[in-house]
Amino acid sequence: MEYYPEVVQVIPTEDYKVYIYFDDGSIKLFDASTLLEKGEFQRLKDKKFFMERCTVLNGTLAWDVSGNYDETTCLDLDPLVLYETCPEVQEPTWLFEKIENEFKQKSDK
């Protein structure tokens, strides 16, 4: 039986990249900036939309267009293509540390 990858978690970054966690434990990095000029994906130029609507739907990286997690109206990408074409990377611990520091700064105020 051939392995068909499934996305279990995604972490978007402000530079239009997305860390994609697959069910086999691998982590890939997708550069979404290549999509920003293509059809429906142009709405991803809005950084707030890109960051807040990035999610997992249909077992892959997606953007929740409607805001209600409707799998039929999302912008999603083929998980096999992502798995085969995106470079494998290490877990972005630097990103977790950045988020933790920002949270601490807000709670100190």
PDB file of N, CA and C in Angstrom:
ATOM      1  N   MET A   1       0.847  -1.188   0.000  1.00  0.00           N
ATOM      2  CA  MET A   1       0.000   0.000   0.000  1.00  0.00           C
ATOM      3  C   MET A   1       0.888   1.246   0.000  1.00  0.00           C
ATOM      4  N   GLU A   2       0.564   2.195  -0.844  1.00  0.00           N
ATOM      5  CA  GLU A   2       1.329   3.428  -0.959  1.00  0.00           C
ATOM      6  C   GLU A   2       0.904   4.421   0.118  1.00  0.00           C
ATOM      7  N   TYR A   3       1.889   5.119   0.677  1.00  0.00           N
ATOM      8  CA  TYR A   3       1.612   6.122   1.702  1.00  0.00           C
ATOM      9  C   TYR A   3       1.010   7.363   1.075  1.00  0.00           C
ATOM     10  N   TYR A   4      -0.098   7.824   1.635  1.00  0.00           N
ATOM     11  CA  TYR A   4      -0.693   9.084   1.217  1.00  0.00           C
ATOM     12  C   TYR A   4      -0.674  10.005   2.434  1.00  0.00           C
ATOM     13  N   PRO A   5       0.096  11.082   2.366  1.00  0.00           N
ATOM     14  CA  PRO A   5       0.285  11.945   3.541  1.00  0.00           C
ATOM     15  C   PRO A   5      -0.977  12.698   3.945  1.00  0.00           C
ATOM     16  N   GLU A   6      -1.069  12.921   5.247  1.00  0.00           N
ATOM     17  CA  GLU A   6      -2.157  13.725   5.785  1.00  0.00           C
ATOM     18  C   GLU A   6      -1.564  14.782   6.705  1.00  0.00           C
ATOM     19  N   VAL A   7      -2.029  15.992   6.556  1.00  0.00           N
ATOM     20  CA  VAL A   7      -1.571  17.102   7.389  1.00  0.00           C
ATOM     21  C   VAL A   7      -2.331  17.057   8.712  1.00  0.00           C
ATOM     22  N   VAL A   8      -1.581  17.196   9.816  1.00  0.00           N
ATOM     23  CA  VAL A   8      -2.207  17.172  11.138  1.00  0.00           C
ATOM     24  C   VAL A   8      -2.139  18.520  11.847  1.00  0.00           C
ATOM     25  N   GLN A   9      -1.197  19.381  11.416  1.00  0.00           N
ATOM     26  CA  GLN A   9      -1.078  20.699  12.049  1.00  0.00           C
ATOM     27  C   GLN A   9      -0.357  21.641  11.094  1.00  0.00           C
ATOM     28  N   VAL A  10      -0.703  22.920  11.170  1.00  0.00           N
ATOM     29  CA  VAL A  10      -0.015  23.945  10.383  1.00  0.00           C
ATOM     30  C   VAL A  10       0.281  25.145  11.282  1.00  0.00           C
ATOM     31  N   ILE A  11       1.409  25.793  10.993  1.00  0.00           N
ATOM     32  CA  ILE A  11       1.777  27.011  11.724  1.00  0.00           C
ATOM     33  C   ILE A  11       2.199  28.051  10.695  1.00  0.00           C
ATOM     34  N   PRO A  12       1.352  29.073  10.478  1.00  0.00           N
ATOM     35  CA  PRO A  12       1.714  30.127   9.523  1.00  0.00           C
ATOM     36  C   PRO A  12       2.674  31.127  10.159  1.00  0.00           C
ATOM     37  N   THR A  13       3.472  31.773   9.317  1.00  0.00           N
ATOM     38  CA  THR A  13       4.366  32.831   9.789  1.00  0.00           C
ATOM     39  C   THR A  13       4.034  34.112   9.029  1.00  0.00           C
ATOM     40  N   GLU A  14       4.495  35.226   9.543  1.00  0.00           N
ATOM     41  CA  GLU A  14       4.155  36.517   8.947  1.00  0.00           C
ATOM     42  C   GLU A  14       4.845  36.779   7.619  1.00  0.00           C
ATOM     43  N   ASP A  15       5.789  35.937   7.246  1.00  0.00           N
ATOM     44  CA  ASP A  15       6.451  36.103   5.949  1.00  0.00           C
ATOM     45  C   ASP A  15       5.866  35.145   4.901  1.00  0.00           C
ATOM     46  N   TYR A  16       4.605  34.770   5.099  1.00  0.00           N
ATOM     47  CA  TYR A  16       3.846  33.938   4.159  1.00  0.00           C
ATOM     48  C   TYR A  16       4.430  32.541   3.985  1.00  0.00           C
ATOM     49  N   LYS A  17       5.005  32.018   5.044  1.00  0.00           N
ATOM     50  CA  LYS A  17       5.454  30.633   5.038  1.00  0.00           C
ATOM     51  C   LYS A  17       4.577  29.857   6.016  1.00  0.00           C
ATOM     52  N   VAL A  18       4.490  28.547   5.787  1.00  0.00           N
ATOM     53  CA  VAL A  18       3.679  27.712   6.661  1.00  0.00           C
ATOM     54  C   VAL A  18       4.464  26.441   6.990  1.00  0.00           C
ATOM     55  N   TYR A  19       4.619  26.185   8.285  1.00  0.00           N
ATOM     56  CA  TYR A  19       5.178  24.911   8.729  1.00  0.00           C
ATOM     57  C   TYR A  19       4.044  23.896   8.703  1.00  0.00           C
ATOM     58  N   ILE A  20       4.286  22.785   8.007  1.00  0.00           N
ATOM     59  CA  ILE A  20       3.255  21.766   7.831  1.00  0.00           C
ATOM     60  C   ILE A  20       3.712  20.490   8.518  1.00  0.00           C
ATOM     61  N   TYR A  21       2.931  20.017   9.465  1.00  0.00           N
ATOM     62  CA  TYR A  21       3.218  18.784  10.192  1.00  0.00           C
ATOM     63  C   TYR A  21       2.388  17.659   9.573  1.00  0.00           C
ATOM     64  N   PHE A  22       3.079  16.599   9.172  1.00  0.00           N
ATOM     65  CA  PHE A  22       2.405  15.460   8.553  1.00  0.00           C
ATOM     66  C   PHE A  22       2.259  14.303   9.543  1.00  0.00           C
ATOM     67  N   ASP A  23       1.352  13.398   9.226  1.00  0.00           N
ATOM     68  CA  ASP A  23       1.053  12.282  10.119  1.00  0.00           C
ATOM     69  C   ASP A  23       2.191  11.275  10.266  1.00  0.00           C
ATOM     70  N   ASP A  24       3.227  11.353   9.443  1.00  0.00           N
ATOM     71  CA  ASP A  24       4.375  10.460   9.606  1.00  0.00           C
ATOM     72  C   ASP A  24       5.467  11.096  10.472  1.00  0.00           C
ATOM     73  N   GLY A  25       5.187  12.295  11.024  1.00  0.00           N
ATOM     74  CA  GLY A  25       6.134  12.979  11.888  1.00  0.00           C
ATOM     75  C   GLY A  25       7.024  13.979  11.179  1.00  0.00           C
ATOM     76  N   SER A  26       6.966  14.022   9.862  1.00  0.00           N
ATOM     77  CA  SER A  26       7.805  14.970   9.132  1.00  0.00           C
ATOM     78  C   SER A  26       7.205  16.375   9.192  1.00  0.00           C
ATOM     79  N   ILE A  27       8.091  17.360   9.079  1.00  0.00           N
ATOM     80  CA  ILE A  27       7.696  18.767   9.069  1.00  0.00           C
ATOM     81  C   ILE A  27       8.252  19.367   7.787  1.00  0.00           C
ATOM     82  N   LYS A  28       7.378  19.990   7.012  1.00  0.00           N
ATOM     83  CA  LYS A  28       7.780  20.612   5.750  1.00  0.00           C
ATOM     84  C   LYS A  28       7.485  22.106   5.829  1.00  0.00           C
ATOM     85  N   LEU A  29       8.183  22.874   4.996  1.00  0.00           N
ATOM     86  CA  LEU A  29       7.976  24.321   4.972  1.00  0.00           C
ATOM     87  C   LEU A  29       7.473  24.730   3.598  1.00  0.00           C
ATOM     88  N   PHE A  30       6.283  25.320   3.571  1.00  0.00           N
ATOM     89  CA  PHE A  30       5.666  25.773   2.325  1.00  0.00           C
ATOM     90  C   PHE A  30       5.761  27.289   2.239  1.00  0.00           C
ATOM     91  N   ASP A  31       6.242  27.780   1.106  1.00  0.00           N
ATOM     92  CA  ASP A  31       6.317  29.211   0.854  1.00  0.00           C
ATOM     93  C   ASP A  31       5.065  29.618   0.079  1.00  0.00           C
ATOM     94  N   ALA A  32       4.094  30.180   0.778  1.00  0.00           N
ATOM     95  CA  ALA A  32       2.816  30.543   0.175  1.00  0.00           C
ATOM     96  C   ALA A  32       2.887  31.814  -0.655  1.00  0.00           C
ATOM     97  N   SER A  33       4.005  32.536  -0.601  1.00  0.00           N
ATOM     98  CA  SER A  33       4.112  33.773  -1.381  1.00  0.00           C
ATOM     99  C   SER A  33       3.986  33.498  -2.876  1.00  0.00           C
ATOM    100  N   THR A  34       4.250  32.264  -3.289  1.00  0.00           N
ATOM    101  CA  THR A  34       4.114  31.903  -4.703  1.00  0.00           C
ATOM    102  C   THR A  34       2.655  31.891  -5.155  1.00  0.00           C
ATOM    103  N   LEU A  35       1.732  31.873  -4.210  1.00  0.00           N
ATOM    104  CA  LEU A  35       0.298  31.817  -4.546  1.00  0.00           C
ATOM    105  C   LEU A  35      -0.377  33.182  -4.597  1.00  0.00           C
ATOM    106  N   LEU A  36       0.261  34.197  -4.048  1.00  0.00           N
ATOM    107  CA  LEU A  36      -0.408  35.466  -3.789  1.00  0.00           C
ATOM    108  C   LEU A  36      -0.956  36.186  -5.010  1.00  0.00           C
ATOM    109  N   GLU A  37      -0.516  35.835  -6.196  1.00  0.00           N
ATOM    110  CA  GLU A  37      -1.005  36.484  -7.414  1.00  0.00           C
ATOM    111  C   GLU A  37      -1.937  35.591  -8.222  1.00  0.00           C
ATOM    112  N   LYS A  38      -2.326  34.453  -7.664  1.00  0.00           N
ATOM    113  CA  LYS A  38      -3.107  33.468  -8.418  1.00  0.00           C
ATOM    114  C   LYS A  38      -4.565  33.405  -7.980  1.00  0.00           C
ATOM    115  N   GLY A  39      -5.447  33.839  -8.829  1.00  0.00           N
ATOM    116  CA  GLY A  39      -6.891  33.677  -8.645  1.00  0.00           C
ATOM    117  C   GLY A  39      -7.391  33.914  -7.239  1.00  0.00           C
ATOM    118  N   GLU A  40      -8.109  32.926  -6.720  1.00  0.00           N
ATOM    119  CA  GLU A  40      -8.706  33.023  -5.387  1.00  0.00           C
ATOM    120  C   GLU A  40      -7.673  33.207  -4.282  1.00  0.00           C
ATOM    121  N   PHE A  41      -6.451  32.769  -4.531  1.00  0.00           N
ATOM    122  CA  PHE A  41      -5.410  32.862  -3.507  1.00  0.00           C
ATOM    123  C   PHE A  41      -4.940  34.294  -3.274  1.00  0.00           C
ATOM    124  N   GLN A  42      -5.356  35.237  -4.123  1.00  0.00           N
ATOM    125  CA  GLN A  42      -4.972  36.639  -3.931  1.00  0.00           C
ATOM    126  C   GLN A  42      -5.461  37.185  -2.591  1.00  0.00           C
ATOM    127  N   ARG A  43      -6.530  36.630  -2.072  1.00  0.00           N
ATOM    128  CA  ARG A  43      -7.039  37.094  -0.777  1.00  0.00           C
ATOM    129  C   ARG A  43      -6.048  36.817   0.353  1.00  0.00           C
ATOM    130  N   LEU A  44      -5.072  35.925   0.107  1.00  0.00           N
ATOM    131  CA  LEU A  44      -4.053  35.634   1.119  1.00  0.00           C
ATOM    132  C   LEU A  44      -3.064  36.781   1.305  1.00  0.00           C
ATOM    133  N   LYS A  45      -3.082  37.756   0.384  1.00  0.00           N
ATOM    134  CA  LYS A  45      -2.216  38.935   0.530  1.00  0.00           C
ATOM    135  C   LYS A  45      -2.515  39.681   1.823  1.00  0.00           C
ATOM    136  N   ASP A  46      -3.771  39.621   2.244  1.00  0.00           N
ATOM    137  CA  ASP A  46      -4.156  40.223   3.517  1.00  0.00           C
ATOM    138  C   ASP A  46      -3.517  39.375   4.619  1.00  0.00           C
ATOM    139  N   LYS A  47      -2.470  39.902   5.231  1.00  0.00           N
ATOM    140  CA  LYS A  47      -1.686  39.127   6.196  1.00  0.00           C
ATOM    141  C   LYS A  47      -2.536  38.625   7.360  1.00  0.00           C
ATOM    142  N   LYS A  48      -3.472  39.434   7.801  1.00  0.00           N
ATOM    143  CA  LYS A  48      -4.350  39.016   8.905  1.00  0.00           C
ATOM    144  C   LYS A  48      -5.183  37.807   8.475  1.00  0.00           C
ATOM    145  N   PHE A  49      -5.742  37.863   7.273  1.00  0.00           N
ATOM    146  CA  PHE A  49      -6.511  36.740   6.742  1.00  0.00           C
ATOM    147  C   PHE A  49      -5.617  35.510   6.622  1.00  0.00           C
ATOM    148  N   PHE A  50      -4.422  35.696   6.066  1.00  0.00           N
ATOM    149  CA  PHE A  50      -3.477  34.594   5.890  1.00  0.00           C
ATOM    150  C   PHE A  50      -3.196  33.905   7.223  1.00  0.00           C
ATOM    151  N   MET A  51      -2.905  34.686   8.235  1.00  0.00           N
ATOM    152  CA  MET A  51      -2.525  34.138   9.536  1.00  0.00           C
ATOM    153  C   MET A  51      -3.715  33.523  10.276  1.00  0.00           C
ATOM    154  N   GLU A  52      -4.832  34.224  10.313  1.00  0.00           N
ATOM    155  CA  GLU A  52      -5.962  33.786  11.122  1.00  0.00           C
ATOM    156  C   GLU A  52      -6.772  32.658  10.495  1.00  0.00           C
ATOM    157  N   ARG A  53      -6.779  32.572   9.185  1.00  0.00           N
ATOM    158  CA  ARG A  53      -7.603  31.565   8.516  1.00  0.00           C
ATOM    159  C   ARG A  53      -6.822  30.323   8.102  1.00  0.00           C
ATOM    160  N   CYS A  54      -5.533  30.303   8.318  1.00  0.00           N
ATOM    161  CA  CYS A  54      -4.699  29.140   7.998  1.00  0.00           C
ATOM    162  C   CYS A  54      -5.052  28.019   8.967  1.00  0.00           C
ATOM    163  N   THR A  55      -5.355  26.841   8.423  1.00  0.00           N
ATOM    164  CA  THR A  55      -5.827  25.739   9.261  1.00  0.00           C
ATOM    165  C   THR A  55      -5.628  24.409   8.538  1.00  0.00           C
ATOM    166  N   VAL A  56      -6.134  23.360   9.150  1.00  0.00           N
ATOM    167  CA  VAL A  56      -6.158  22.041   8.514  1.00  0.00           C
ATOM    168  C   VAL A  56      -7.611  21.697   8.215  1.00  0.00           C
ATOM    169  N   LEU A  57      -7.909  21.508   6.946  1.00  0.00           N
ATOM    170  CA  LEU A  57      -9.218  21.043   6.494  1.00  0.00           C
ATOM    171  C   LEU A  57      -8.977  20.015   5.389  1.00  0.00           C
ATOM    172  N   ASN A  58      -9.824  19.050   5.282  1.00  0.00           N
ATOM    173  CA  ASN A  58      -9.687  18.003   4.260  1.00  0.00           C
ATOM    174  C   ASN A  58      -8.348  17.268   4.372  1.00  0.00           C
ATOM    175  N   GLY A  59      -7.757  17.242   5.566  1.00  0.00           N
ATOM    176  CA  GLY A  59      -6.489  16.554   5.773  1.00  0.00           C
ATOM    177  C   GLY A  59      -5.295  17.238   5.152  1.00  0.00           C
ATOM    178  N   THR A  60      -5.422  18.557   4.912  1.00  0.00           N
ATOM    179  CA  THR A  60      -4.326  19.279   4.283  1.00  0.00           C
ATOM    180  C   THR A  60      -4.296  20.738   4.728  1.00  0.00           C
ATOM    181  N   LEU A  61      -3.275  21.449   4.282  1.00  0.00           N
ATOM    182  CA  LEU A  61      -3.157  22.882   4.520  1.00  0.00           C
ATOM    183  C   LEU A  61      -4.288  23.588   3.795  1.00  0.00           C
ATOM    184  N   ALA A  62      -4.985  24.468   4.520  1.00  0.00           N
ATOM    185  CA  ALA A  62      -6.118  25.175   3.921  1.00  0.00           C
ATOM    186  C   ALA A  62      -6.287  26.537   4.578  1.00  0.00           C
ATOM    187  N   TRP A  63      -7.063  27.362   3.914  1.00  0.00           N
ATOM    188  CA  TRP A  63      -7.487  28.642   4.482  1.00  0.00           C
ATOM    189  C   TRP A  63      -9.003  28.629   4.525  1.00  0.00           C
ATOM    190  N   ASP A  64      -9.538  28.886   5.696  1.00  0.00           N
ATOM    191  CA  ASP A  64     -10.974  28.854   5.946  1.00  0.00           C
ATOM    192  C   ASP A  64     -11.601  30.149   5.432  1.00  0.00           C
ATOM    193  N   VAL A  65     -12.047  30.136   4.211  1.00  0.00           N
ATOM    194  CA  VAL A  65     -12.570  31.329   3.541  1.00  0.00           C
ATOM    195  C   VAL A  65     -13.834  31.854   4.222  1.00  0.00           C
ATOM    196  N   SER A  66     -14.759  30.971   4.548  1.00  0.00           N
ATOM    197  CA  SER A  66     -16.057  31.390   5.078  1.00  0.00           C
ATOM    198  C   SER A  66     -16.026  31.731   6.562  1.00  0.00           C
ATOM    199  N   GLY A  67     -15.003  31.255   7.267  1.00  0.00           N
ATOM    200  CA  GLY A  67     -14.928  31.520   8.697  1.00  0.00           C
ATOM    201  C   GLY A  67     -15.704  30.533   9.543  1.00  0.00           C
ATOM    202  N   ASN A  68     -16.250  29.492   8.923  1.00  0.00           N
ATOM    203  CA  ASN A  68     -17.003  28.495   9.701  1.00  0.00           C
ATOM    204  C   ASN A  68     -16.521  27.067   9.451  1.00  0.00           C
ATOM    205  N   TYR A  69     -15.278  26.925   9.030  1.00  0.00           N
ATOM    206  CA  TYR A  69     -14.647  25.625   8.799  1.00  0.00           C
ATOM    207  C   TYR A  69     -15.438  24.728   7.853  1.00  0.00           C
ATOM    208  N   ASP A  70     -15.970  25.342   6.809  1.00  0.00           N
ATOM    209  CA  ASP A  70     -16.690  24.598   5.780  1.00  0.00           C
ATOM    210  C   ASP A  70     -15.670  24.028   4.797  1.00  0.00           C
ATOM    211  N   GLU A  71     -15.546  22.711   4.786  1.00  0.00           N
ATOM    212  CA  GLU A  71     -14.559  22.046   3.938  1.00  0.00           C
ATOM    213  C   GLU A  71     -14.838  22.219   2.447  1.00  0.00           C
ATOM    214  N   THR A  72     -16.037  22.646   2.104  1.00  0.00           N
ATOM    215  CA  THR A  72     -16.380  22.799   0.687  1.00  0.00           C
ATOM    216  C   THR A  72     -16.062  24.188   0.150  1.00  0.00           C
ATOM    217  N   THR A  73     -15.787  25.141   1.043  1.00  0.00           N
ATOM    218  CA  THR A  73     -15.519  26.506   0.572  1.00  0.00           C
ATOM    219  C   THR A  73     -14.122  26.995   0.939  1.00  0.00           C
ATOM    220  N   CYS A  74     -13.263  26.086   1.376  1.00  0.00           N
ATOM    221  CA  CYS A  74     -11.921  26.511   1.771  1.00  0.00           C
ATOM    222  C   CYS A  74     -10.978  26.551   0.568  1.00  0.00           C
ATOM    223  N   LEU A  75      -9.862  27.216   0.744  1.00  0.00           N
ATOM    224  CA  LEU A  75      -8.764  27.169  -0.227  1.00  0.00           C
ATOM    225  C   LEU A  75      -7.790  26.129   0.306  1.00  0.00           C
ATOM    226  N   ASP A  76      -7.701  24.979  -0.359  1.00  0.00           N
ATOM    227  CA  ASP A  76      -6.801  23.949   0.143  1.00  0.00           C
ATOM    228  C   ASP A  76      -5.846  23.476  -0.944  1.00  0.00           C
ATOM    229  N   LEU A  77      -4.762  22.867  -0.500  1.00  0.00           N
ATOM    230  CA  LEU A  77      -3.714  22.409  -1.397  1.00  0.00           C
ATOM    231  C   LEU A  77      -3.561  20.899  -1.278  1.00  0.00           C
ATOM    232  N   ASP A  78      -3.144  20.267  -2.346  1.00  0.00           N
ATOM    233  CA  ASP A  78      -2.976  18.822  -2.376  1.00  0.00           C
ATOM    234  C   ASP A  78      -1.874  18.407  -1.395  1.00  0.00           C
ATOM    235  N   PRO A  79      -2.204  17.565  -0.406  1.00  0.00           N
ATOM    236  CA  PRO A  79      -1.193  17.186   0.583  1.00  0.00           C
ATOM    237  C   PRO A  79      -0.039  16.383  -0.018  1.00  0.00           C
ATOM    238  N   LEU A  80      -0.300  15.609  -1.054  1.00  0.00           N
ATOM    239  CA  LEU A  80       0.768  14.831  -1.691  1.00  0.00           C
ATOM    240  C   LEU A  80       1.773  15.759  -2.370  1.00  0.00           C
ATOM    241  N   VAL A  81       1.267  16.785  -3.049  1.00  0.00           N
ATOM    242  CA  VAL A  81       2.151  17.756  -3.702  1.00  0.00           C
ATOM    243  C   VAL A  81       2.986  18.483  -2.647  1.00  0.00           C
ATOM    244  N   LEU A  82       2.359  18.904  -1.568  1.00  0.00           N
ATOM    245  CA  LEU A  82       3.083  19.578  -0.487  1.00  0.00           C
ATOM    246  C   LEU A  82       4.165  18.658   0.081  1.00  0.00           C
ATOM    247  N   TYR A  83       3.808  17.415   0.315  1.00  0.00           N
ATOM    248  CA  TYR A  83       4.729  16.451   0.908  1.00  0.00           C
ATOM    249  C   TYR A  83       5.932  16.203  -0.002  1.00  0.00           C
ATOM    250  N   GLU A  84       5.671  16.114  -1.294  1.00  0.00           N
ATOM    251  CA  GLU A  84       6.740  15.779  -2.235  1.00  0.00           C
ATOM    252  C   GLU A  84       7.585  16.976  -2.673  1.00  0.00           C
ATOM    253  N   THR A  85       7.042  18.189  -2.600  1.00  0.00           N
ATOM    254  CA  THR A  85       7.768  19.345  -3.141  1.00  0.00           C
ATOM    255  C   THR A  85       8.335  20.299  -2.094  1.00  0.00           C
ATOM    256  N   CYS A  86       7.797  20.315  -0.900  1.00  0.00           N
ATOM    257  CA  CYS A  86       8.278  21.234   0.131  1.00  0.00           C
ATOM    258  C   CYS A  86       9.482  20.630   0.851  1.00  0.00           C
ATOM    259  N   PRO A  87      10.458  21.478   1.178  1.00  0.00           N
ATOM    260  CA  PRO A  87      11.628  20.960   1.893  1.00  0.00           C
ATOM    261  C   PRO A  87      11.281  20.549   3.321  1.00  0.00           C
ATOM    262  N   GLU A  88      11.933  19.486   3.772  1.00  0.00           N
ATOM    263  CA  GLU A  88      11.763  19.062   5.153  1.00  0.00           C
ATOM    264  C   GLU A  88      12.612  19.963   6.046  1.00  0.00           C
ATOM    265  N   VAL A  89      12.054  20.339   7.191  1.00  0.00           N
ATOM    266  CA  VAL A  89      12.733  21.247   8.112  1.00  0.00           C
ATOM    267  C   VAL A  89      12.628  20.716   9.537  1.00  0.00           C
ATOM    268  N   GLN A  90      13.391  21.342  10.414  1.00  0.00           N
ATOM    269  CA  GLN A  90      13.319  21.034  11.840  1.00  0.00           C
ATOM    270  C   GLN A  90      12.142  21.800  12.458  1.00  0.00           C
ATOM    271  N   GLU A  91      11.717  21.347  13.618  1.00  0.00           N
ATOM    272  CA  GLU A  91      10.641  22.041  14.316  1.00  0.00           C
ATOM    273  C   GLU A  91      11.065  23.480  14.599  1.00  0.00           C
ATOM    274  N   PRO A  92      10.179  24.443  14.366  1.00  0.00           N
ATOM    275  CA  PRO A  92      10.540  25.858  14.520  1.00  0.00           C
ATOM    276  C   PRO A  92      10.502  26.314  15.983  1.00  0.00           C
ATOM    277  N   THR A  93      11.427  25.825  16.799  1.00  0.00           N
ATOM    278  CA  THR A  93      11.430  26.186  18.216  1.00  0.00           C
ATOM    279  C   THR A  93      11.605  27.691  18.409  1.00  0.00           C
ATOM    280  N   TRP A  94      12.327  28.339  17.493  1.00  0.00           N
ATOM    281  CA  TRP A  94      12.502  29.788  17.572  1.00  0.00           C
ATOM    282  C   TRP A  94      11.153  30.506  17.523  1.00  0.00           C
ATOM    283  N   LEU A  95      10.223  29.943  16.756  1.00  0.00           N
ATOM    284  CA  LEU A  95       8.905  30.546  16.621  1.00  0.00           C
ATOM    285  C   LEU A  95       8.119  30.405  17.926  1.00  0.00           C
ATOM    286  N   PHE A  96       8.234  29.251  18.565  1.00  0.00           N
ATOM    287  CA  PHE A  96       7.547  29.031  19.837  1.00  0.00           C
ATOM    288  C   PHE A  96       8.084  29.975  20.900  1.00  0.00           C
ATOM    289  N   GLU A  97       9.405  30.180  20.892  1.00  0.00           N
ATOM    290  CA  GLU A  97      10.016  31.087  21.864  1.00  0.00           C
ATOM    291  C   GLU A  97       9.553  32.522  21.627  1.00  0.00           C
ATOM    292  N   LYS A  98       9.444  32.914  20.372  1.00  0.00           N
ATOM    293  CA  LYS A  98       8.968  34.260  20.032  1.00  0.00           C
ATOM    294  C   LYS A  98       7.540  34.463  20.534  1.00  0.00           C
ATOM    295  N   ILE A  99       6.679  33.495  20.300  1.00  0.00           N
ATOM    296  CA  ILE A  99       5.286  33.587  20.736  1.00  0.00           C
ATOM    297  C   ILE A  99       5.203  33.638  22.255  1.00  0.00           C
ATOM    298  N   GLU A 100       6.009  32.821  22.913  1.00  0.00           N
ATOM    299  CA  GLU A 100       6.021  32.807  24.378  1.00  0.00           C
ATOM    300  C   GLU A 100       6.476  34.158  24.932  1.00  0.00           C
ATOM    301  N   ASN A 101       7.501  34.753  24.341  1.00  0.00           N
ATOM    302  CA  ASN A 101       7.985  36.065  24.782  1.00  0.00           C
ATOM    303  C   ASN A 101       6.925  37.147  24.564  1.00  0.00           C
ATOM    304  N   GLU A 102       6.237  37.107  23.443  1.00  0.00           N
ATOM    305  CA  GLU A 102       5.177  38.083  23.186  1.00  0.00           C
ATOM    306  C   GLU A 102       4.042  37.944  24.196  1.00  0.00           C
ATOM    307  N   PHE A 103       3.714  36.701  24.527  1.00  0.00           N
ATOM    308  CA  PHE A 103       2.656  36.454  25.503  1.00  0.00           C
ATOM    309  C   PHE A 103       3.065  36.989  26.874  1.00  0.00           C
ATOM    310  N   LYS A 104       4.320  36.755  27.262  1.00  0.00           N
ATOM    311  CA  LYS A 104       4.808  37.247  28.558  1.00  0.00           C
ATOM    312  C   LYS A 104       4.766  38.767  28.612  1.00  0.00           C
ATOM    313  N   GLN A 105       5.158  39.428  27.520  1.00  0.00           N
ATOM    314  CA  GLN A 105       5.143  40.886  27.483  1.00  0.00           C
ATOM    315  C   GLN A 105       3.740  41.436  27.649  1.00  0.00           C
ATOM    316  N   LYS A 106       2.767  40.790  27.020  1.00  0.00           N
ATOM    317  CA  LYS A 106       1.374  41.238  27.138  1.00  0.00           C
ATOM    318  C   LYS A 106       0.845  41.023  28.550  1.00  0.00           C
ATOM    319  N   SER A 107       1.202  39.919  29.167  1.00  0.00           N
ATOM    320  CA  SER A 107       0.693  39.621  30.509  1.00  0.00           C
ATOM    321  C   SER A 107       1.371  40.467  31.583  1.00  0.00           C
ATOM    322  N   ASP A 108       2.561  41.005  31.296  1.00  0.00           N
ATOM    323  CA  ASP A 108       3.260  41.878  32.234  1.00  0.00           C
ATOM    324  C   ASP A 108       2.669  43.276  32.272  1.00  0.00           C
ATOM    325  N   LYS A 109       1.893  43.642  31.285  1.00  0.00           N
ATOM    326  CA  LYS A 109       1.327  44.995  31.207  1.00  0.00           C
ATOM    327  C   LYS A 109       0.119  45.153  32.079  1.00  0.00           C
TER     328      LYS A 109
END
